[in-house]
N, C-alpha and C. Protein backbone atom coordinates (compact mmCIF):
# COMPACT_ATOMS: atom_id res chain seq x y z
N UNK A 1 37.71 33.04 4.87
CA UNK A 1 36.67 32.24 5.48
C UNK A 1 37.21 31.59 6.70
N UNK A 2 36.44 31.70 7.75
CA UNK A 2 36.87 31.27 9.08
C UNK A 2 36.73 29.77 9.38
N UNK A 3 35.70 29.17 8.69
CA UNK A 3 35.59 27.75 8.92
C UNK A 3 36.14 26.93 7.71
N UNK A 4 36.73 25.88 8.00
CA UNK A 4 37.17 25.06 6.96
C UNK A 4 36.03 24.03 6.50
N UNK A 5 36.16 23.47 5.30
CA UNK A 5 35.12 22.53 4.85
C UNK A 5 35.07 21.28 5.73
N UNK A 6 36.20 20.97 6.33
CA UNK A 6 36.21 19.73 7.16
C UNK A 6 35.39 19.85 8.36
N UNK A 7 35.33 20.96 8.96
CA UNK A 7 34.49 21.15 10.18
C UNK A 7 33.06 21.27 9.84
N UNK A 8 32.66 21.72 8.59
CA UNK A 8 31.26 21.73 8.22
C UNK A 8 30.79 20.33 7.76
N UNK A 9 31.64 19.59 7.05
CA UNK A 9 31.28 18.35 6.53
C UNK A 9 32.27 17.20 7.00
N UNK A 10 32.05 16.82 8.25
CA UNK A 10 32.97 15.80 8.76
C UNK A 10 32.94 14.48 8.02
N UNK A 11 34.07 13.91 7.86
CA UNK A 11 34.23 12.67 7.08
C UNK A 11 33.86 11.50 8.06
N UNK A 12 32.97 10.71 7.66
CA UNK A 12 32.54 9.53 8.57
C UNK A 12 33.26 8.33 8.21
N UNK A 13 33.81 8.24 7.00
CA UNK A 13 34.37 7.02 6.49
C UNK A 13 35.64 6.58 7.45
N UNK A 14 36.44 7.50 7.74
CA UNK A 14 37.60 7.14 8.65
C UNK A 14 37.30 6.66 10.03
N UNK A 15 36.24 7.29 10.54
CA UNK A 15 35.69 6.78 11.86
C UNK A 15 35.11 5.49 11.79
N UNK A 16 34.44 5.18 10.63
CA UNK A 16 33.89 3.87 10.45
C UNK A 16 34.88 2.75 10.44
N UNK A 17 35.99 3.10 9.77
CA UNK A 17 37.07 2.08 9.56
C UNK A 17 37.82 1.81 10.94
N UNK A 18 37.99 2.95 11.67
CA UNK A 18 38.74 2.75 13.00
C UNK A 18 37.80 2.17 14.07
N UNK A 19 36.55 2.27 13.98
CA UNK A 19 35.60 1.85 14.99
C UNK A 19 34.46 1.03 14.33
N UNK A 20 34.58 -0.32 14.24
CA UNK A 20 33.62 -1.06 13.56
C UNK A 20 32.26 -1.05 14.16
N UNK A 21 32.11 -0.68 15.46
CA UNK A 21 30.76 -0.64 16.14
C UNK A 21 29.95 0.55 15.54
N UNK A 22 30.61 1.47 14.93
CA UNK A 22 29.80 2.62 14.30
C UNK A 22 29.40 2.29 12.84
N UNK A 23 29.48 0.99 12.39
CA UNK A 23 29.19 0.64 11.07
C UNK A 23 27.79 1.10 10.64
N UNK A 24 26.82 0.92 11.57
CA UNK A 24 25.49 1.26 11.33
C UNK A 24 25.05 2.57 11.83
N UNK A 25 26.04 3.40 12.19
CA UNK A 25 25.59 4.79 12.79
C UNK A 25 25.06 5.62 11.72
N UNK A 26 25.28 5.40 10.43
CA UNK A 26 24.73 6.27 9.42
C UNK A 26 23.27 5.90 9.07
N UNK A 27 22.70 4.78 9.60
CA UNK A 27 21.36 4.40 9.36
C UNK A 27 20.44 5.11 10.35
N UNK A 28 19.72 6.04 9.95
CA UNK A 28 18.91 6.84 10.82
C UNK A 28 17.42 6.90 10.40
N UNK A 29 16.54 7.10 11.41
CA UNK A 29 15.11 7.21 10.98
C UNK A 29 14.87 8.43 10.18
N UNK A 30 13.79 8.44 9.34
CA UNK A 30 13.54 9.49 8.42
C UNK A 30 13.46 10.88 9.11
N UNK A 31 12.94 11.03 10.33
CA UNK A 31 12.93 12.36 11.01
C UNK A 31 14.34 12.81 11.29
N UNK A 32 15.27 11.96 11.56
CA UNK A 32 16.64 12.36 11.88
C UNK A 32 17.30 12.70 10.51
N UNK A 33 16.96 12.01 9.47
CA UNK A 33 17.56 12.34 8.14
C UNK A 33 17.02 13.70 7.64
N UNK A 34 15.80 14.06 8.00
CA UNK A 34 15.20 15.38 7.72
C UNK A 34 15.96 16.39 8.42
N UNK A 35 16.23 16.17 9.68
CA UNK A 35 16.98 17.13 10.47
C UNK A 35 18.42 17.22 9.98
N UNK A 36 18.97 16.14 9.51
CA UNK A 36 20.38 16.11 8.99
C UNK A 36 20.35 16.95 7.75
N UNK A 37 19.33 16.86 6.83
CA UNK A 37 19.30 17.60 5.61
C UNK A 37 19.14 19.13 5.98
N UNK A 38 18.32 19.40 6.93
CA UNK A 38 18.17 20.74 7.41
C UNK A 38 19.45 21.42 7.81
N UNK A 39 20.26 20.59 8.57
CA UNK A 39 21.50 21.16 9.15
C UNK A 39 22.48 21.37 7.99
N UNK A 40 22.49 20.48 6.97
CA UNK A 40 23.37 20.62 5.86
C UNK A 40 23.01 21.81 5.02
N UNK A 41 21.80 22.07 4.94
CA UNK A 41 21.35 23.27 4.14
C UNK A 41 21.61 24.60 4.81
N UNK A 42 21.62 24.55 6.14
CA UNK A 42 22.00 25.74 6.94
C UNK A 42 23.52 25.88 6.78
N UNK A 43 24.29 24.84 6.83
CA UNK A 43 25.77 24.94 6.55
C UNK A 43 26.07 25.48 5.17
N UNK A 44 25.23 25.02 4.17
CA UNK A 44 25.50 25.60 2.83
C UNK A 44 25.27 27.02 2.76
N UNK A 45 24.22 27.46 3.39
CA UNK A 45 23.89 28.89 3.43
C UNK A 45 25.04 29.69 4.12
N UNK A 46 25.63 29.09 5.17
CA UNK A 46 26.77 29.76 5.86
C UNK A 46 27.96 29.91 4.96
N UNK A 47 28.22 28.86 4.16
CA UNK A 47 29.39 28.87 3.24
C UNK A 47 29.14 29.94 2.14
N UNK A 48 27.94 29.84 1.60
CA UNK A 48 27.60 30.78 0.48
C UNK A 48 27.52 32.27 0.97
N UNK A 49 27.02 32.42 2.15
CA UNK A 49 26.87 33.78 2.71
C UNK A 49 28.34 34.33 3.09
N UNK A 50 29.32 33.44 3.37
CA UNK A 50 30.59 33.97 3.81
C UNK A 50 31.52 34.31 2.62
N UNK A 51 31.02 33.92 1.46
CA UNK A 51 31.89 34.19 0.21
C UNK A 51 31.61 35.66 -0.22
N UNK A 52 32.70 36.33 -0.53
CA UNK A 52 32.61 37.72 -1.07
C UNK A 52 32.50 37.54 -2.63
N UNK A 53 31.96 38.49 -3.24
CA UNK A 53 31.92 38.42 -4.85
C UNK A 53 33.31 38.33 -5.35
N UNK A 54 33.50 37.37 -6.23
CA UNK A 54 34.78 37.15 -6.83
C UNK A 54 35.75 36.39 -5.96
N UNK A 55 35.40 36.08 -4.83
CA UNK A 55 36.29 35.29 -3.94
C UNK A 55 35.64 33.90 -3.68
N UNK A 56 36.41 32.88 -3.78
CA UNK A 56 35.78 31.53 -3.44
C UNK A 56 37.01 30.53 -3.05
N UNK A 57 36.62 29.75 -2.27
CA UNK A 57 37.56 28.73 -1.78
C UNK A 57 37.17 27.40 -2.53
N UNK A 58 37.96 26.98 -3.50
CA UNK A 58 37.61 25.87 -4.41
C UNK A 58 37.39 24.62 -3.60
N UNK A 59 38.24 24.38 -2.60
CA UNK A 59 38.10 23.04 -1.83
C UNK A 59 36.72 23.12 -1.14
N UNK A 60 36.40 24.16 -0.46
CA UNK A 60 35.14 24.21 0.29
C UNK A 60 33.96 24.07 -0.59
N UNK A 61 34.01 24.72 -1.78
CA UNK A 61 32.94 24.66 -2.74
C UNK A 61 32.77 23.11 -3.25
N UNK A 62 33.95 22.53 -3.62
CA UNK A 62 33.88 21.15 -4.02
C UNK A 62 33.30 20.22 -2.96
N UNK A 63 33.78 20.47 -1.72
CA UNK A 63 33.24 19.68 -0.59
C UNK A 63 31.76 19.85 -0.36
N UNK A 64 31.35 21.07 -0.58
CA UNK A 64 29.85 21.40 -0.43
C UNK A 64 29.07 20.70 -1.49
N UNK A 65 29.57 20.79 -2.75
CA UNK A 65 28.89 20.10 -3.82
C UNK A 65 28.81 18.63 -3.63
N UNK A 66 29.89 18.04 -3.22
CA UNK A 66 29.92 16.53 -2.96
C UNK A 66 28.91 16.19 -1.85
N UNK A 67 28.90 17.01 -0.79
CA UNK A 67 27.93 16.67 0.21
C UNK A 67 26.52 16.85 -0.10
N UNK A 68 26.18 17.76 -0.97
CA UNK A 68 24.82 18.07 -1.52
C UNK A 68 24.47 16.86 -2.39
N UNK A 69 25.36 16.38 -3.18
CA UNK A 69 25.03 15.28 -4.11
C UNK A 69 24.71 13.99 -3.17
N UNK A 70 25.50 13.80 -2.07
CA UNK A 70 25.26 12.73 -1.18
C UNK A 70 23.86 12.82 -0.49
N UNK A 71 23.53 13.94 -0.15
CA UNK A 71 22.26 14.30 0.52
C UNK A 71 21.04 13.99 -0.45
N UNK A 72 21.19 14.43 -1.69
CA UNK A 72 20.19 14.17 -2.68
C UNK A 72 20.08 12.70 -2.90
N UNK A 73 21.11 11.96 -2.95
CA UNK A 73 21.02 10.51 -3.10
C UNK A 73 20.26 9.89 -1.94
N UNK A 74 20.60 10.36 -0.72
CA UNK A 74 19.84 9.86 0.39
C UNK A 74 18.34 10.07 0.38
N UNK A 75 18.01 11.33 -0.09
CA UNK A 75 16.62 11.71 -0.21
C UNK A 75 15.89 10.78 -1.25
N UNK A 76 16.58 10.56 -2.33
CA UNK A 76 15.95 9.73 -3.33
C UNK A 76 15.74 8.33 -2.92
N UNK A 77 16.66 7.80 -2.15
CA UNK A 77 16.56 6.41 -1.63
C UNK A 77 15.48 6.39 -0.58
N UNK A 78 15.39 7.46 0.21
CA UNK A 78 14.25 7.45 1.19
C UNK A 78 12.80 7.42 0.48
N UNK A 79 12.75 8.19 -0.64
CA UNK A 79 11.49 8.28 -1.37
C UNK A 79 11.22 6.92 -1.97
N UNK A 80 12.18 6.34 -2.50
CA UNK A 80 12.02 5.01 -3.21
C UNK A 80 11.61 3.94 -2.16
N UNK A 81 12.16 3.99 -0.95
CA UNK A 81 11.84 3.04 0.05
C UNK A 81 10.38 3.20 0.47
N UNK A 82 9.98 4.50 0.67
CA UNK A 82 8.64 4.80 1.04
C UNK A 82 7.59 4.37 0.00
N UNK A 83 7.91 4.57 -1.29
CA UNK A 83 7.02 4.13 -2.34
C UNK A 83 6.96 2.70 -2.40
N UNK A 84 8.09 1.93 -2.27
CA UNK A 84 8.03 0.48 -2.26
C UNK A 84 7.15 -0.04 -1.13
N UNK A 85 7.41 0.58 0.09
CA UNK A 85 6.68 0.12 1.27
C UNK A 85 5.18 0.31 1.10
N UNK A 86 4.70 1.51 0.54
CA UNK A 86 3.34 1.69 0.26
C UNK A 86 2.75 0.72 -0.72
N UNK A 87 3.52 0.38 -1.78
CA UNK A 87 2.99 -0.54 -2.73
C UNK A 87 2.83 -1.99 -2.09
N UNK A 88 3.89 -2.35 -1.35
CA UNK A 88 3.78 -3.71 -0.75
C UNK A 88 2.51 -3.78 0.26
N UNK A 89 2.33 -2.76 1.00
CA UNK A 89 1.21 -2.72 1.92
C UNK A 89 -0.03 -2.74 1.17
N UNK A 90 -0.30 -1.99 0.13
CA UNK A 90 -1.56 -1.94 -0.53
C UNK A 90 -1.69 -3.31 -1.18
N UNK A 91 -0.67 -3.83 -1.81
CA UNK A 91 -0.95 -5.21 -2.46
C UNK A 91 -1.28 -6.23 -1.38
N UNK A 92 -0.65 -6.21 -0.18
CA UNK A 92 -1.01 -7.18 0.82
C UNK A 92 -2.39 -7.01 1.26
N UNK A 93 -2.88 -5.74 1.41
CA UNK A 93 -4.23 -5.49 1.80
C UNK A 93 -5.20 -6.01 0.84
N UNK A 94 -4.92 -5.73 -0.43
CA UNK A 94 -5.89 -6.17 -1.55
C UNK A 94 -5.87 -7.75 -1.57
N UNK A 95 -4.76 -8.43 -1.39
CA UNK A 95 -4.72 -9.82 -1.44
C UNK A 95 -5.48 -10.40 -0.30
N UNK A 96 -5.38 -9.78 0.92
CA UNK A 96 -6.12 -10.30 2.01
C UNK A 96 -7.62 -10.10 1.84
N UNK A 97 -7.98 -8.91 1.31
CA UNK A 97 -9.40 -8.66 1.04
C UNK A 97 -9.97 -9.70 0.07
N UNK A 98 -9.12 -10.00 -1.00
CA UNK A 98 -9.51 -10.91 -2.05
C UNK A 98 -9.77 -12.35 -1.43
N UNK A 99 -8.94 -12.71 -0.42
CA UNK A 99 -9.10 -13.98 0.14
C UNK A 99 -10.29 -14.16 0.98
N UNK A 100 -10.94 -13.02 1.38
CA UNK A 100 -12.08 -13.00 2.18
C UNK A 100 -13.40 -12.92 1.34
N UNK A 101 -13.18 -12.96 -0.04
CA UNK A 101 -14.31 -12.69 -0.97
C UNK A 101 -14.51 -13.86 -1.92
N UNK A 102 -15.82 -13.99 -2.33
CA UNK A 102 -16.21 -14.89 -3.36
C UNK A 102 -16.99 -14.08 -4.42
N UNK A 103 -17.09 -14.66 -5.69
CA UNK A 103 -17.91 -13.98 -6.70
C UNK A 103 -18.91 -14.97 -7.14
N UNK A 104 -20.14 -14.47 -7.25
CA UNK A 104 -21.29 -15.27 -7.70
C UNK A 104 -21.73 -14.86 -9.04
N UNK A 105 -21.72 -15.82 -10.05
CA UNK A 105 -22.02 -15.60 -11.39
C UNK A 105 -23.39 -16.09 -11.70
N UNK A 106 -24.13 -15.47 -12.51
CA UNK A 106 -25.45 -15.90 -13.07
C UNK A 106 -26.59 -15.81 -12.10
N UNK A 107 -26.42 -15.03 -11.05
CA UNK A 107 -27.58 -14.83 -10.06
C UNK A 107 -28.47 -13.76 -10.62
N UNK A 108 -29.72 -13.97 -10.93
CA UNK A 108 -30.60 -12.94 -11.61
C UNK A 108 -30.61 -11.72 -10.63
N UNK A 109 -30.77 -10.56 -11.26
CA UNK A 109 -30.75 -9.30 -10.57
C UNK A 109 -32.23 -8.95 -10.25
N UNK A 110 -32.48 -8.19 -9.22
CA UNK A 110 -33.82 -7.82 -8.75
C UNK A 110 -34.34 -6.93 -9.84
N UNK A 111 -35.70 -6.91 -10.04
CA UNK A 111 -36.42 -6.03 -10.94
C UNK A 111 -36.95 -4.80 -10.23
N UNK A 112 -36.51 -4.60 -8.97
CA UNK A 112 -36.98 -3.45 -8.25
C UNK A 112 -36.39 -2.08 -8.97
N UNK A 113 -37.18 -1.01 -8.81
CA UNK A 113 -36.79 0.26 -9.40
C UNK A 113 -35.93 1.08 -8.41
N UNK A 114 -36.13 0.85 -7.20
CA UNK A 114 -35.28 1.58 -6.17
C UNK A 114 -34.02 0.96 -5.90
N UNK A 115 -32.86 1.66 -5.95
CA UNK A 115 -31.61 1.01 -5.81
C UNK A 115 -31.47 0.21 -4.45
N UNK A 116 -31.97 0.93 -3.40
CA UNK A 116 -31.82 0.29 -1.98
C UNK A 116 -32.63 -1.00 -1.91
N UNK A 117 -33.72 -1.13 -2.72
CA UNK A 117 -34.49 -2.36 -2.72
C UNK A 117 -33.70 -3.50 -3.45
N UNK A 118 -32.97 -3.01 -4.55
CA UNK A 118 -32.13 -4.02 -5.23
C UNK A 118 -31.02 -4.55 -4.35
N UNK A 119 -30.37 -3.58 -3.63
CA UNK A 119 -29.33 -3.95 -2.72
C UNK A 119 -29.86 -4.87 -1.65
N UNK A 120 -30.97 -4.63 -1.09
CA UNK A 120 -31.54 -5.53 -0.07
C UNK A 120 -31.87 -6.91 -0.61
N UNK A 121 -32.40 -6.93 -1.86
CA UNK A 121 -32.65 -8.19 -2.52
C UNK A 121 -31.32 -9.09 -2.63
N UNK A 122 -30.27 -8.40 -3.12
CA UNK A 122 -28.98 -9.06 -3.21
C UNK A 122 -28.49 -9.60 -1.90
N UNK A 123 -28.64 -8.78 -0.87
CA UNK A 123 -28.19 -9.23 0.52
C UNK A 123 -29.15 -10.49 0.90
N UNK A 124 -30.37 -10.41 0.71
CA UNK A 124 -31.21 -11.57 1.11
C UNK A 124 -30.85 -12.81 0.24
N UNK A 125 -30.64 -12.63 -0.95
CA UNK A 125 -30.15 -13.83 -1.81
C UNK A 125 -28.82 -14.33 -1.29
N UNK A 126 -27.85 -13.52 -0.89
CA UNK A 126 -26.58 -13.93 -0.39
C UNK A 126 -26.76 -14.74 0.88
N UNK A 127 -27.60 -14.21 1.80
CA UNK A 127 -27.89 -14.80 3.02
C UNK A 127 -28.54 -16.13 2.89
N UNK A 128 -29.42 -16.20 1.94
CA UNK A 128 -30.12 -17.50 1.59
C UNK A 128 -29.14 -18.56 1.05
N UNK A 129 -28.26 -18.03 0.20
CA UNK A 129 -27.13 -19.00 -0.35
C UNK A 129 -26.27 -19.53 0.86
N UNK A 130 -25.90 -18.66 1.75
CA UNK A 130 -25.10 -19.04 2.97
C UNK A 130 -25.91 -20.07 3.83
N UNK A 131 -27.16 -19.72 4.01
CA UNK A 131 -27.98 -20.78 4.87
C UNK A 131 -28.05 -22.12 4.15
N UNK A 132 -28.18 -22.13 2.79
CA UNK A 132 -28.23 -23.34 2.05
C UNK A 132 -26.90 -24.08 2.23
N UNK A 133 -25.78 -23.43 2.27
CA UNK A 133 -24.47 -24.04 2.33
C UNK A 133 -23.97 -24.15 3.81
N UNK A 134 -24.88 -23.97 4.77
CA UNK A 134 -24.61 -24.11 6.23
C UNK A 134 -23.39 -23.25 6.69
N UNK A 135 -23.33 -22.07 6.20
CA UNK A 135 -22.25 -21.08 6.65
C UNK A 135 -22.92 -20.17 7.65
N UNK A 136 -22.43 -20.20 8.90
CA UNK A 136 -22.85 -19.29 9.92
C UNK A 136 -22.17 -18.03 10.12
N UNK A 137 -22.49 -17.13 9.28
CA UNK A 137 -21.91 -15.78 9.34
C UNK A 137 -22.73 -14.78 8.56
N UNK A 138 -22.57 -13.58 8.83
CA UNK A 138 -23.21 -12.48 8.13
C UNK A 138 -22.18 -11.86 7.20
N UNK A 139 -22.43 -11.73 5.93
CA UNK A 139 -21.37 -11.14 5.03
C UNK A 139 -21.12 -9.64 5.42
N UNK A 140 -19.90 -9.23 5.21
CA UNK A 140 -19.45 -7.90 5.47
C UNK A 140 -20.08 -6.93 4.44
N UNK A 141 -19.95 -7.41 3.14
CA UNK A 141 -20.49 -6.59 2.04
C UNK A 141 -21.04 -7.55 0.97
N UNK A 142 -22.08 -7.06 0.30
CA UNK A 142 -22.63 -7.78 -0.82
C UNK A 142 -22.86 -6.69 -1.84
N UNK A 143 -22.28 -6.79 -3.07
CA UNK A 143 -22.53 -5.81 -4.09
C UNK A 143 -22.30 -6.32 -5.44
N UNK A 144 -22.96 -5.72 -6.45
CA UNK A 144 -22.80 -6.09 -7.85
C UNK A 144 -21.66 -5.31 -8.47
N UNK A 145 -21.03 -6.01 -9.36
CA UNK A 145 -19.78 -5.37 -10.08
C UNK A 145 -20.08 -5.24 -11.58
N UNK A 146 -19.63 -4.12 -12.18
CA UNK A 146 -19.80 -3.89 -13.52
C UNK A 146 -20.97 -3.07 -13.90
N UNK A 147 -21.09 -2.78 -15.22
CA UNK A 147 -22.20 -2.07 -15.75
C UNK A 147 -23.40 -2.95 -15.98
N UNK A 148 -24.53 -2.31 -15.77
CA UNK A 148 -25.80 -3.08 -15.97
C UNK A 148 -26.00 -3.39 -17.50
N UNK A 149 -26.31 -4.64 -17.74
CA UNK A 149 -26.57 -5.13 -19.24
C UNK A 149 -27.74 -6.06 -19.22
N UNK A 150 -27.88 -6.73 -20.29
CA UNK A 150 -29.00 -7.78 -20.38
C UNK A 150 -28.66 -9.01 -19.58
N UNK A 151 -27.41 -9.29 -19.27
CA UNK A 151 -27.05 -10.42 -18.44
C UNK A 151 -26.94 -9.95 -17.05
N UNK A 152 -27.06 -10.83 -16.10
CA UNK A 152 -26.83 -10.33 -14.65
C UNK A 152 -25.35 -10.17 -14.34
N UNK A 153 -25.14 -9.04 -13.65
CA UNK A 153 -23.76 -8.67 -13.26
C UNK A 153 -23.24 -9.62 -12.28
N UNK A 154 -21.93 -9.66 -12.07
CA UNK A 154 -21.32 -10.46 -11.04
C UNK A 154 -21.67 -9.88 -9.70
N UNK A 155 -21.84 -10.76 -8.69
CA UNK A 155 -22.07 -10.30 -7.36
C UNK A 155 -20.92 -10.76 -6.46
N UNK A 156 -20.37 -9.75 -5.74
CA UNK A 156 -19.33 -10.09 -4.79
C UNK A 156 -19.79 -10.20 -3.34
N UNK A 157 -19.33 -11.19 -2.72
CA UNK A 157 -19.71 -11.37 -1.25
C UNK A 157 -18.43 -11.34 -0.53
N UNK A 158 -18.34 -10.41 0.45
CA UNK A 158 -17.10 -10.34 1.34
C UNK A 158 -17.46 -10.89 2.68
N UNK A 159 -16.53 -11.77 3.27
CA UNK A 159 -16.78 -12.31 4.55
C UNK A 159 -15.83 -11.73 5.54
N UNK A 160 -16.15 -11.89 6.90
CA UNK A 160 -15.40 -11.34 7.92
C UNK A 160 -14.02 -12.10 8.04
N UNK A 161 -14.00 -13.37 7.63
CA UNK A 161 -12.71 -14.14 7.68
C UNK A 161 -12.55 -14.97 6.36
N UNK A 162 -11.26 -15.34 6.13
CA UNK A 162 -11.06 -16.23 4.86
C UNK A 162 -11.65 -17.56 5.10
N UNK A 163 -11.70 -18.00 6.30
CA UNK A 163 -12.16 -19.33 6.56
C UNK A 163 -13.69 -19.42 6.18
N UNK A 164 -14.47 -18.36 6.40
CA UNK A 164 -15.85 -18.40 5.99
C UNK A 164 -15.95 -18.51 4.38
N UNK A 165 -15.04 -17.76 3.78
CA UNK A 165 -15.11 -17.82 2.20
C UNK A 165 -14.69 -19.14 1.82
N UNK A 166 -13.74 -19.82 2.38
CA UNK A 166 -13.24 -21.14 2.07
C UNK A 166 -14.40 -22.19 2.28
N UNK A 167 -15.07 -22.08 3.34
CA UNK A 167 -16.11 -22.95 3.65
C UNK A 167 -17.25 -22.87 2.63
N UNK A 168 -17.54 -21.62 2.30
CA UNK A 168 -18.64 -21.42 1.24
C UNK A 168 -18.16 -22.01 -0.03
N UNK A 169 -16.97 -21.85 -0.41
CA UNK A 169 -16.54 -22.44 -1.66
C UNK A 169 -16.50 -23.97 -1.67
N UNK A 170 -16.22 -24.49 -0.46
CA UNK A 170 -16.18 -25.97 -0.27
C UNK A 170 -17.59 -26.55 -0.40
N UNK A 171 -18.50 -25.78 0.19
CA UNK A 171 -19.91 -26.31 0.28
C UNK A 171 -20.78 -25.82 -0.94
N UNK A 172 -20.30 -25.17 -1.94
CA UNK A 172 -21.12 -24.56 -2.99
C UNK A 172 -21.97 -25.55 -3.78
N UNK A 173 -21.56 -26.78 -3.76
CA UNK A 173 -22.33 -27.90 -4.49
C UNK A 173 -23.76 -28.06 -3.96
N UNK A 174 -23.94 -27.68 -2.73
CA UNK A 174 -25.29 -27.75 -2.11
C UNK A 174 -26.24 -26.79 -2.73
N UNK A 175 -25.74 -25.82 -3.47
CA UNK A 175 -26.61 -24.82 -4.15
C UNK A 175 -27.28 -25.38 -5.30
N UNK A 176 -26.85 -26.51 -5.83
CA UNK A 176 -27.45 -27.19 -6.98
C UNK A 176 -28.79 -27.78 -6.66
N UNK A 177 -28.99 -28.09 -5.35
CA UNK A 177 -30.23 -28.65 -4.82
C UNK A 177 -31.29 -27.67 -4.60
N UNK A 178 -30.96 -26.35 -4.68
CA UNK A 178 -31.95 -25.27 -4.47
C UNK A 178 -32.38 -24.75 -5.74
N UNK A 179 -33.71 -24.64 -5.98
CA UNK A 179 -34.27 -24.26 -7.27
C UNK A 179 -33.76 -22.90 -7.69
N UNK A 180 -33.69 -21.93 -6.79
CA UNK A 180 -33.28 -20.58 -7.14
C UNK A 180 -31.84 -20.48 -7.54
N UNK A 181 -31.00 -21.28 -6.97
CA UNK A 181 -29.56 -21.15 -7.23
C UNK A 181 -28.93 -22.22 -8.11
N UNK A 182 -29.69 -23.10 -8.74
CA UNK A 182 -29.15 -24.30 -9.37
C UNK A 182 -28.35 -23.87 -10.68
N UNK A 183 -28.51 -22.62 -11.26
CA UNK A 183 -27.71 -22.22 -12.38
C UNK A 183 -26.62 -21.30 -11.96
N UNK A 184 -26.44 -21.09 -10.69
CA UNK A 184 -25.49 -20.11 -10.14
C UNK A 184 -24.10 -20.80 -10.03
N UNK A 185 -22.98 -20.01 -10.46
CA UNK A 185 -21.64 -20.41 -10.26
C UNK A 185 -21.03 -19.55 -9.18
N UNK A 186 -20.33 -20.25 -8.26
CA UNK A 186 -19.57 -19.53 -7.18
C UNK A 186 -18.13 -19.87 -7.37
N UNK A 187 -17.29 -18.80 -7.38
CA UNK A 187 -15.93 -18.98 -7.56
C UNK A 187 -15.16 -17.98 -6.59
N UNK A 188 -13.81 -18.30 -6.45
CA UNK A 188 -13.05 -17.40 -5.65
C UNK A 188 -12.88 -15.99 -6.34
N UNK A 189 -12.66 -14.97 -5.52
CA UNK A 189 -12.43 -13.63 -6.11
C UNK A 189 -11.00 -13.66 -6.79
N UNK A 190 -10.81 -13.18 -7.89
CA UNK A 190 -9.63 -13.11 -8.65
C UNK A 190 -8.92 -11.79 -8.55
N UNK A 191 -7.62 -11.83 -8.65
CA UNK A 191 -6.88 -10.56 -8.70
C UNK A 191 -7.11 -9.82 -10.06
N UNK A 192 -6.99 -8.47 -9.98
CA UNK A 192 -7.13 -7.72 -11.18
C UNK A 192 -6.14 -7.94 -12.23
């Protein structure tokens, strides 16, 4: 074999000890890590392609195996980091959306047969509640949650900002003075 395992798999530990400025040199962005993996796989093919049947260089094979184990560990840690990042982002977005929302309990549902008419009725009721509570905004979304039953389903109202949701919750006592909404309960949206 013409190449030694040292030239294919350079040791970075000694250079890190002699030059402390290179301490973080092994931290690379994912695209560079992918390229690094591709280079190592090409080197592995070169080693394996250069071996004749029945002939092997034990040191180069051991070095190759150790390097592949290290690369696999790097890839696993990259996948874990990405999964953790996705979970954190999703949880943050759900929390932010929840802070922009309130839930209305006990508001009677429309008797309309057409779904779009029921949706419009819910939106009109939500807007009327906001007017009663002196909230100057148009809700982003108004929808019913859960399966239809003999009791009215919960209605969720999503606001453009969390300040609007907070103001609505603060002024919800004004609904008791309105005949249509005196049995309605308004609460913050809860996490699942």
